[in-house]
Amino acid sequence: MKISSHQVRAALEAYVNGHRHRASVASPSPAATGARPRVDDFEHRLKDLPDQRDTLVHDLRRKIRRGSYFVSSRDIVDALLGRLTADLLYLE
């Protein structure tokens, strides 16, 4: 499963905002400590990564044709929980 850059942005924003809400009055906000520039830097590096989806699709098709494609139940559960977590963070 591929998580879109929009979902990554939403998860990062939820993380930063969650810390902002939990911080005490005396603690500096994430924006004051430089959290926003770190999020922007991460987003910039994420956008610069090459899209390898075509290669993945080609490899998966080849494995399926050969009958050698296998996904463990643990991997399926991890992907489902990861997607659920990303969706829940996006909704908040």
PDB file of N, CA and C in Angstrom:
ATOM      1  N   MET A   1       0.837  -1.178   0.000  1.00  0.00           N
ATOM      2  CA  MET A   1       0.000   0.000   0.000  1.00  0.00           C
ATOM      3  C   MET A   1       0.882   1.242   0.000  1.00  0.00           C
ATOM      4  N   LYS A   2       0.525   2.177  -0.802  1.00  0.00           N
ATOM      5  CA  LYS A   2       1.289   3.409  -0.863  1.00  0.00           C
ATOM      6  C   LYS A   2       0.493   4.513  -0.179  1.00  0.00           C
ATOM      7  N   ILE A   3       1.159   5.233   0.705  1.00  0.00           N
ATOM      8  CA  ILE A   3       0.524   6.360   1.378  1.00  0.00           C
ATOM      9  C   ILE A   3       0.889   7.612   0.592  1.00  0.00           C
ATOM     10  N   SER A   4      -0.102   8.382   0.230  1.00  0.00           N
ATOM     11  CA  SER A   4       0.121   9.556  -0.609  1.00  0.00           C
ATOM     12  C   SER A   4       0.833  10.656   0.168  1.00  0.00           C
ATOM     13  N   SER A   5       1.419  11.574  -0.553  1.00  0.00           N
ATOM     14  CA  SER A   5       2.095  12.705   0.088  1.00  0.00           C
ATOM     15  C   SER A   5       1.095  13.558   0.864  1.00  0.00           C
ATOM     16  N   HIS A   6      -0.157  13.593   0.394  1.00  0.00           N
ATOM     17  CA  HIS A   6      -1.198  14.333   1.118  1.00  0.00           C
ATOM     18  C   HIS A   6      -1.449  13.688   2.480  1.00  0.00           C
ATOM     19  N   GLN A   7      -1.464  12.362   2.527  1.00  0.00           N
ATOM     20  CA  GLN A   7      -1.669  11.668   3.788  1.00  0.00           C
ATOM     21  C   GLN A   7      -0.473  11.840   4.712  1.00  0.00           C
ATOM     22  N   VAL A   8       0.727  11.846   4.154  1.00  0.00           N
ATOM     23  CA  VAL A   8       1.924  12.074   4.967  1.00  0.00           C
ATOM     24  C   VAL A   8       1.862  13.470   5.576  1.00  0.00           C
ATOM     25  N   ARG A   9       1.481  14.458   4.760  1.00  0.00           N
ATOM     26  CA  ARG A   9       1.363  15.836   5.250  1.00  0.00           C
ATOM     27  C   ARG A   9       0.339  15.917   6.383  1.00  0.00           C
ATOM     28  N   ALA A  10      -0.812  15.255   6.204  1.00  0.00           N
ATOM     29  CA  ALA A  10      -1.855  15.273   7.232  1.00  0.00           C
ATOM     30  C   ALA A  10      -1.374  14.602   8.512  1.00  0.00           C
ATOM     31  N   ALA A  11      -0.647  13.507   8.384  1.00  0.00           N
ATOM     32  CA  ALA A  11      -0.126  12.819   9.569  1.00  0.00           C
ATOM     33  C   ALA A  11       0.898  13.688  10.293  1.00  0.00           C
ATOM     34  N   LEU A  12       1.768  14.348   9.535  1.00  0.00           N
ATOM     35  CA  LEU A  12       2.762  15.222  10.161  1.00  0.00           C
ATOM     36  C   LEU A  12       2.094  16.413  10.849  1.00  0.00           C
ATOM     37  N   GLU A  13       1.105  16.990  10.191  1.00  0.00           N
ATOM     38  CA  GLU A  13       0.380  18.110  10.795  1.00  0.00           C
ATOM     39  C   GLU A  13      -0.335  17.663  12.069  1.00  0.00           C
ATOM     40  N   ALA A  14      -0.948  16.465  12.037  1.00  0.00           N
ATOM     41  CA  ALA A  14      -1.633  15.947  13.223  1.00  0.00           C
ATOM     42  C   ALA A  14      -0.634  15.726  14.348  1.00  0.00           C
ATOM     43  N   TYR A  15       0.551  15.240  14.009  1.00  0.00           N
ATOM     44  CA  TYR A  15       1.591  15.006  15.011  1.00  0.00           C
ATOM     45  C   TYR A  15       2.029  16.329  15.635  1.00  0.00           C
ATOM     46  N   VAL A  16       2.308  17.310  14.793  1.00  0.00           N
ATOM     47  CA  VAL A  16       2.749  18.612  15.288  1.00  0.00           C
ATOM     48  C   VAL A  16       1.641  19.268  16.108  1.00  0.00           C
ATOM     49  N   ASN A  17       0.414  19.248  15.597  1.00  0.00           N
ATOM     50  CA  ASN A  17      -0.700  19.862  16.318  1.00  0.00           C
ATOM     51  C   ASN A  17      -1.010  19.126  17.610  1.00  0.00           C
ATOM     52  N   GLY A  18      -0.855  17.801  17.621  1.00  0.00           N
ATOM     53  CA  GLY A  18      -1.081  17.023  18.829  1.00  0.00           C
ATOM     54  C   GLY A  18      -0.112  17.409  19.916  1.00  0.00           C
ATOM     55  N   HIS A  19       1.136  17.623  19.554  1.00  0.00           N
ATOM     56  CA  HIS A  19       2.123  18.063  20.536  1.00  0.00           C
ATOM     57  C   HIS A  19       1.834  19.481  21.007  1.00  0.00           C
ATOM     58  N   ARG A  20       1.312  20.298  20.126  1.00  0.00           N
ATOM     59  CA  ARG A  20       0.998  21.672  20.498  1.00  0.00           C
ATOM     60  C   ARG A  20      -0.112  21.685  21.553  1.00  0.00           C
ATOM     61  N   HIS A  21      -1.125  20.825  21.374  1.00  0.00           N
ATOM     62  CA  HIS A  21      -2.244  20.791  22.313  1.00  0.00           C
ATOM     63  C   HIS A  21      -1.839  20.201  23.658  1.00  0.00           C
ATOM     64  N   ARG A  22      -0.885  19.288  23.669  1.00  0.00           N
ATOM     65  CA  ARG A  22      -0.467  18.648  24.909  1.00  0.00           C
ATOM     66  C   ARG A  22       0.552  19.472  25.683  1.00  0.00           C
ATOM     67  N   ALA A  23       1.165  20.421  25.032  1.00  0.00           N
ATOM     68  CA  ALA A  23       2.213  21.205  25.684  1.00  0.00           C
ATOM     69  C   ALA A  23       1.614  22.100  26.765  1.00  0.00           C
ATOM     70  N   SER A  24       2.368  22.246  27.825  1.00  0.00           N
ATOM     71  CA  SER A  24       1.886  23.123  28.899  1.00  0.00           C
ATOM     72  C   SER A  24       2.074  24.577  28.490  1.00  0.00           C
ATOM     73  N   VAL A  25       1.495  25.480  29.246  1.00  0.00           N
ATOM     74  CA  VAL A  25       1.571  26.904  28.930  1.00  0.00           C
ATOM     75  C   VAL A  25       3.015  27.375  28.962  1.00  0.00           C
ATOM     76  N   ALA A  26       3.814  26.827  29.857  1.00  0.00           N
ATOM     77  CA  ALA A  26       5.203  27.262  29.993  1.00  0.00           C
ATOM     78  C   ALA A  26       6.088  26.735  28.870  1.00  0.00           C
ATOM     79  N   SER A  27       5.673  25.641  28.209  1.00  0.00           N
ATOM     80  CA  SER A  27       6.489  25.054  27.154  1.00  0.00           C
ATOM     81  C   SER A  27       6.335  25.850  25.863  1.00  0.00           C
ATOM     82  N   PRO A  28       7.416  25.983  25.109  1.00  0.00           N
ATOM     83  CA  PRO A  28       7.305  26.675  23.825  1.00  0.00           C
ATOM     84  C   PRO A  28       6.530  25.817  22.825  1.00  0.00           C
ATOM     85  N   SER A  29       5.853  26.473  21.907  1.00  0.00           N
ATOM     86  CA  SER A  29       5.086  25.756  20.894  1.00  0.00           C
ATOM     87  C   SER A  29       6.029  25.117  19.891  1.00  0.00           C
ATOM     88  N   PRO A  30       5.564  24.071  19.140  1.00  0.00           N
ATOM     89  CA  PRO A  30       6.407  23.462  18.122  1.00  0.00           C
ATOM     90  C   PRO A  30       6.860  24.461  17.070  1.00  0.00           C
ATOM     91  N   ALA A  31       6.010  25.436  16.753  1.00  0.00           N
ATOM     92  CA  ALA A  31       6.403  26.442  15.768  1.00  0.00           C
ATOM     93  C   ALA A  31       7.583  27.260  16.276  1.00  0.00           C
ATOM     94  N   ALA A  32       7.580  27.554  17.596  1.00  0.00           N
ATOM     95  CA  ALA A  32       8.660  28.342  18.174  1.00  0.00           C
ATOM     96  C   ALA A  32       9.950  27.537  18.248  1.00  0.00           C
ATOM     97  N   THR A  33       9.840  26.204  18.338  1.00  0.00           N
ATOM     98  CA  THR A  33      11.035  25.367  18.441  1.00  0.00           C
ATOM     99  C   THR A  33      11.514  24.869  17.094  1.00  0.00           C
ATOM    100  N   GLY A  34      10.851  25.251  16.037  1.00  0.00           N
ATOM    101  CA  GLY A  34      11.304  24.890  14.700  1.00  0.00           C
ATOM    102  C   GLY A  34      10.652  23.647  14.136  1.00  0.00           C
ATOM    103  N   ALA A  35       9.502  23.207  14.659  1.00  0.00           N
ATOM    104  CA  ALA A  35       8.841  22.005  14.152  1.00  0.00           C
ATOM    105  C   ALA A  35       8.341  22.213  12.724  1.00  0.00           C
ATOM    106  N   ARG A  36       7.803  23.374  12.420  1.00  0.00           N
ATOM    107  CA  ARG A  36       7.268  23.617  11.082  1.00  0.00           C
ATOM    108  C   ARG A  36       8.357  23.546  10.011  1.00  0.00           C
ATOM    109  N   PRO A  37       9.524  24.156  10.236  1.00  0.00           N
ATOM    110  CA  PRO A  37      10.575  24.004   9.222  1.00  0.00           C
ATOM    111  C   PRO A  37      11.003  22.549   9.033  1.00  0.00           C
ATOM    112  N   ARG A  38      10.975  21.741  10.111  1.00  0.00           N
ATOM    113  CA  ARG A  38      11.330  20.330   9.975  1.00  0.00           C
ATOM    114  C   ARG A  38      10.290  19.603   9.140  1.00  0.00           C
ATOM    115  N   VAL A  39       9.024  19.927   9.335  1.00  0.00           N
ATOM    116  CA  VAL A  39       7.956  19.312   8.539  1.00  0.00           C
ATOM    117  C   VAL A  39       8.126  19.716   7.082  1.00  0.00           C
ATOM    118  N   ASP A  40       8.388  20.980   6.829  1.00  0.00           N
ATOM    119  CA  ASP A  40       8.597  21.453   5.452  1.00  0.00           C
ATOM    120  C   ASP A  40       9.796  20.768   4.812  1.00  0.00           C
ATOM    121  N   ASP A  41      10.881  20.593   5.579  1.00  0.00           N
ATOM    122  CA  ASP A  41      12.071  19.922   5.065  1.00  0.00           C
ATOM    123  C   ASP A  41      11.752  18.474   4.718  1.00  0.00           C
ATOM    124  N   PHE A  42      11.003  17.813   5.584  1.00  0.00           N
ATOM    125  CA  PHE A  42      10.621  16.430   5.328  1.00  0.00           C
ATOM    126  C   PHE A  42       9.761  16.326   4.066  1.00  0.00           C
ATOM    127  N   GLU A  43       8.803  17.226   3.923  1.00  0.00           N
ATOM    128  CA  GLU A  43       7.943  17.225   2.736  1.00  0.00           C
ATOM    129  C   GLU A  43       8.768  17.447   1.472  1.00  0.00           C
ATOM    130  N   HIS A  44       9.749  18.356   1.543  1.00  0.00           N
ATOM    131  CA  HIS A  44      10.589  18.643   0.391  1.00  0.00           C
ATOM    132  C   HIS A  44      11.391  17.397  -0.002  1.00  0.00           C
ATOM    133  N   ARG A  45      11.977  16.718   0.994  1.00  0.00           N
ATOM    134  CA  ARG A  45      12.751  15.511   0.708  1.00  0.00           C
ATOM    135  C   ARG A  45      11.847  14.401   0.175  1.00  0.00           C
ATOM    136  N   LEU A  46      10.622  14.318   0.677  1.00  0.00           N
ATOM    137  CA  LEU A  46       9.676  13.314   0.211  1.00  0.00           C
ATOM    138  C   LEU A  46       9.325  13.539  -1.258  1.00  0.00           C
ATOM    139  N   LYS A  47       9.122  14.787  -1.641  1.00  0.00           N
ATOM    140  CA  LYS A  47       8.782  15.101  -3.031  1.00  0.00           C
ATOM    141  C   LYS A  47       9.946  14.808  -3.972  1.00  0.00           C
ATOM    142  N   ASP A  48      11.183  14.891  -3.456  1.00  0.00           N
ATOM    143  CA  ASP A  48      12.356  14.648  -4.285  1.00  0.00           C
ATOM    144  C   ASP A  48      12.642  13.161  -4.514  1.00  0.00           C
ATOM    145  N   LEU A  49      11.990  12.282  -3.756  1.00  0.00           N
ATOM    146  CA  LEU A  49      12.214  10.855  -3.949  1.00  0.00           C
ATOM    147  C   LEU A  49      11.660  10.420  -5.299  1.00  0.00           C
ATOM    148  N   PRO A  50      12.392   9.554  -5.975  1.00  0.00           N
ATOM    149  CA  PRO A  50      11.882   9.090  -7.269  1.00  0.00           C
ATOM    150  C   PRO A  50      10.671   8.187  -7.065  1.00  0.00           C
ATOM    151  N   ASP A  51       9.713   8.267  -7.979  1.00  0.00           N
ATOM    152  CA  ASP A  51       8.531   7.425  -7.909  1.00  0.00           C
ATOM    153  C   ASP A  51       8.878   6.069  -8.501  1.00  0.00           C
ATOM    154  N   GLN A  52       8.869   5.057  -7.656  1.00  0.00           N
ATOM    155  CA  GLN A  52       9.244   3.722  -8.099  1.00  0.00           C
ATOM    156  C   GLN A  52       8.026   2.824  -8.269  1.00  0.00           C
ATOM    157  N   ARG A  53       6.869   3.409  -8.366  1.00  0.00           N
ATOM    158  CA  ARG A  53       5.640   2.631  -8.466  1.00  0.00           C
ATOM    159  C   ARG A  53       5.616   1.757  -9.720  1.00  0.00           C
ATOM    160  N   ASP A  54       6.084   2.281 -10.856  1.00  0.00           N
ATOM    161  CA  ASP A  54       6.094   1.492 -12.088  1.00  0.00           C
ATOM    162  C   ASP A  54       6.956   0.243 -11.941  1.00  0.00           C
ATOM    163  N   THR A  55       8.111   0.396 -11.316  1.00  0.00           N
ATOM    164  CA  THR A  55       8.999  -0.738 -11.095  1.00  0.00           C
ATOM    165  C   THR A  55       8.341  -1.766 -10.186  1.00  0.00           C
ATOM    166  N   LEU A  56       7.695  -1.275  -9.127  1.00  0.00           N
ATOM    167  CA  LEU A  56       6.995  -2.175  -8.213  1.00  0.00           C
ATOM    168  C   LEU A  56       5.892  -2.952  -8.927  1.00  0.00           C
ATOM    169  N   VAL A  57       5.094  -2.257  -9.706  1.00  0.00           N
ATOM    170  CA  VAL A  57       3.993  -2.901 -10.426  1.00  0.00           C
ATOM    171  C   VAL A  57       4.539  -3.952 -11.391  1.00  0.00           C
ATOM    172  N   HIS A  58       5.594  -3.622 -12.104  1.00  0.00           N
ATOM    173  CA  HIS A  58       6.194  -4.561 -13.050  1.00  0.00           C
ATOM    174  C   HIS A  58       6.691  -5.810 -12.324  1.00  0.00           C
ATOM    175  N   ASP A  59       7.387  -5.634 -11.212  1.00  0.00           N
ATOM    176  CA  ASP A  59       7.893  -6.773 -10.446  1.00  0.00           C
ATOM    177  C   ASP A  59       6.755  -7.635  -9.883  1.00  0.00           C
ATOM    178  N   LEU A  60       5.703  -6.978  -9.390  1.00  0.00           N
ATOM    179  CA  LEU A  60       4.561  -7.727  -8.859  1.00  0.00           C
ATOM    180  C   LEU A  60       3.868  -8.531  -9.958  1.00  0.00           C
ATOM    181  N   ARG A  61       3.686  -7.937 -11.115  1.00  0.00           N
ATOM    182  CA  ARG A  61       3.049  -8.656 -12.230  1.00  0.00           C
ATOM    183  C   ARG A  61       3.864  -9.886 -12.615  1.00  0.00           C
ATOM    184  N   ARG A  62       5.176  -9.726 -12.664  1.00  0.00           N
ATOM    185  CA  ARG A  62       6.053 -10.848 -13.022  1.00  0.00           C
ATOM    186  C   ARG A  62       5.937 -11.967 -11.981  1.00  0.00           C
ATOM    187  N   LYS A  63       5.932 -11.612 -10.693  1.00  0.00           N
ATOM    188  CA  LYS A  63       5.817 -12.627  -9.642  1.00  0.00           C
ATOM    189  C   LYS A  63       4.455 -13.324  -9.689  1.00  0.00           C
ATOM    190  N   ILE A  64       3.410 -12.567  -9.952  1.00  0.00           N
ATOM    191  CA  ILE A  64       2.067 -13.158 -10.031  1.00  0.00           C
ATOM    192  C   ILE A  64       1.990 -14.138 -11.202  1.00  0.00           C
ATOM    193  N   ARG A  65       2.542 -13.748 -12.356  1.00  0.00           N
ATOM    194  CA  ARG A  65       2.537 -14.648 -13.519  1.00  0.00           C
ATOM    195  C   ARG A  65       3.287 -15.941 -13.242  1.00  0.00           C
ATOM    196  N   ARG A  66       4.394 -15.838 -12.513  1.00  0.00           N
ATOM    197  CA  ARG A  66       5.201 -17.018 -12.191  1.00  0.00           C
ATOM    198  C   ARG A  66       4.598 -17.848 -11.053  1.00  0.00           C
ATOM    199  N   GLY A  67       3.663 -17.259 -10.334  1.00  0.00           N
ATOM    200  CA  GLY A  67       3.085 -17.972  -9.194  1.00  0.00           C
ATOM    201  C   GLY A  67       3.953 -17.903  -7.950  1.00  0.00           C
ATOM    202  N   SER A  68       4.881 -16.951  -7.920  1.00  0.00           N
ATOM    203  CA  SER A  68       5.796 -16.841  -6.777  1.00  0.00           C
ATOM    204  C   SER A  68       5.462 -15.675  -5.853  1.00  0.00           C
ATOM    205  N   TYR A  69       4.311 -15.041  -6.088  1.00  0.00           N
ATOM    206  CA  TYR A  69       3.924 -13.898  -5.252  1.00  0.00           C
ATOM    207  C   TYR A  69       3.273 -14.405  -3.977  1.00  0.00           C
ATOM    208  N   PHE A  70       3.788 -13.973  -2.841  1.00  0.00           N
ATOM    209  CA  PHE A  70       3.254 -14.388  -1.551  1.00  0.00           C
ATOM    210  C   PHE A  70       3.326 -13.210  -0.579  1.00  0.00           C
ATOM    211  N   VAL A  71       2.262 -13.013   0.144  1.00  0.00           N
ATOM    212  CA  VAL A  71       2.223 -11.985   1.178  1.00  0.00           C
ATOM    213  C   VAL A  71       1.829 -12.678   2.474  1.00  0.00           C
ATOM    214  N   SER A  72       2.645 -12.511   3.502  1.00  0.00           N
ATOM    215  CA  SER A  72       2.341 -13.153   4.776  1.00  0.00           C
ATOM    216  C   SER A  72       1.160 -12.453   5.441  1.00  0.00           C
ATOM    217  N   SER A  73       0.479 -13.182   6.301  1.00  0.00           N
ATOM    218  CA  SER A  73      -0.663 -12.596   7.006  1.00  0.00           C
ATOM    219  C   SER A  73      -0.203 -11.439   7.895  1.00  0.00           C
ATOM    220  N   ARG A  74       1.002 -11.522   8.433  1.00  0.00           N
ATOM    221  CA  ARG A  74       1.541 -10.437   9.257  1.00  0.00           C
ATOM    222  C   ARG A  74       1.698  -9.158   8.438  1.00  0.00           C
ATOM    223  N   ASP A  75       2.186  -9.284   7.208  1.00  0.00           N
ATOM    224  CA  ASP A  75       2.339  -8.114   6.338  1.00  0.00           C
ATOM    225  C   ASP A  75       0.983  -7.491   5.990  1.00  0.00           C
ATOM    226  N   ILE A  76      -0.019  -8.342   5.783  1.00  0.00           N
ATOM    227  CA  ILE A  76      -1.354  -7.837   5.468  1.00  0.00           C
ATOM    228  C   ILE A  76      -1.916  -7.055   6.643  1.00  0.00           C
ATOM    229  N   VAL A  77      -1.783  -7.618   7.851  1.00  0.00           N
ATOM    230  CA  VAL A  77      -2.284  -6.936   9.050  1.00  0.00           C
ATOM    231  C   VAL A  77      -1.530  -5.632   9.275  1.00  0.00           C
ATOM    232  N   ASP A  78      -0.209  -5.649   9.102  1.00  0.00           N
ATOM    233  CA  ASP A  78       0.579  -4.419   9.270  1.00  0.00           C
ATOM    234  C   ASP A  78       0.118  -3.335   8.302  1.00  0.00           C
ATOM    235  N   ALA A  79      -0.137  -3.719   7.051  1.00  0.00           N
ATOM    236  CA  ALA A  79      -0.591  -2.742   6.055  1.00  0.00           C
ATOM    237  C   ALA A  79      -1.975  -2.198   6.406  1.00  0.00           C
ATOM    238  N   LEU A  80      -2.868  -3.081   6.844  1.00  0.00           N
ATOM    239  CA  LEU A  80      -4.218  -2.640   7.203  1.00  0.00           C
ATOM    240  C   LEU A  80      -4.181  -1.694   8.396  1.00  0.00           C
ATOM    241  N   LEU A  81      -3.389  -2.028   9.403  1.00  0.00           N
ATOM    242  CA  LEU A  81      -3.296  -1.158  10.581  1.00  0.00           C
ATOM    243  C   LEU A  81      -2.618   0.165  10.243  1.00  0.00           C
ATOM    244  N   GLY A  82      -1.625   0.104   9.368  1.00  0.00           N
ATOM    245  CA  GLY A  82      -0.969   1.340   8.941  1.00  0.00           C
ATOM    246  C   GLY A  82      -1.930   2.247   8.194  1.00  0.00           C
ATOM    247  N   ARG A  83      -2.743   1.665   7.329  1.00  0.00           N
ATOM    248  CA  ARG A  83      -3.728   2.451   6.585  1.00  0.00           C
ATOM    249  C   ARG A  83      -4.774   3.025   7.525  1.00  0.00           C
ATOM    250  N   LEU A  84      -5.235   2.211   8.487  1.00  0.00           N
ATOM    251  CA  LEU A  84      -6.223   2.673   9.455  1.00  0.00           C
ATOM    252  C   LEU A  84      -5.662   3.840  10.270  1.00  0.00           C
ATOM    253  N   THR A  85      -4.409   3.726  10.688  1.00  0.00           N
ATOM    254  CA  THR A  85      -3.774   4.797  11.452  1.00  0.00           C
ATOM    255  C   THR A  85      -3.680   6.075  10.631  1.00  0.00           C
ATOM    256  N   ALA A  86      -3.250   5.946   9.378  1.00  0.00           N
ATOM    257  CA  ALA A  86      -3.149   7.120   8.502  1.00  0.00           C
ATOM    258  C   ALA A  86      -4.524   7.759   8.288  1.00  0.00           C
ATOM    259  N   ASP A  87      -5.545   6.935   8.093  1.00  0.00           N
ATOM    260  CA  ASP A  87      -6.893   7.464   7.898  1.00  0.00           C
ATOM    261  C   ASP A  87      -7.399   8.173   9.140  1.00  0.00           C
ATOM    262  N   LEU A  88      -7.148   7.600  10.305  1.00  0.00           N
ATOM    263  CA  LEU A  88      -7.600   8.212  11.556  1.00  0.00           C
ATOM    264  C   LEU A  88      -6.888   9.543  11.807  1.00  0.00           C
ATOM    265  N   LEU A  89      -5.596   9.590  11.510  1.00  0.00           N
ATOM    266  CA  LEU A  89      -4.854  10.844  11.685  1.00  0.00           C
ATOM    267  C   LEU A  89      -5.361  11.903  10.718  1.00  0.00           C
ATOM    268  N   TYR A  90      -5.738  11.488   9.530  1.00  0.00           N
ATOM    269  CA  TYR A  90      -6.229  12.426   8.515  1.00  0.00           C
ATOM    270  C   TYR A  90      -7.573  13.008   8.932  1.00  0.00           C
ATOM    271  N   LEU A  91      -8.403  12.204   9.597  1.00  0.00           N
ATOM    272  CA  LEU A  91      -9.733  12.670   9.997  1.00  0.00           C
ATOM    273  C   LEU A  91      -9.681  13.667  11.136  1.00  0.00           C
ATOM    274  N   GLU A  92      -8.637  13.619  11.952  1.00  0.00           N
ATOM    275  CA  GLU A  92      -8.560  14.510  13.117  1.00  0.00           C
ATOM    276  C   GLU A  92      -8.230  15.895  12.758  1.00  0.00           C
TER     277      GLU A  92
END
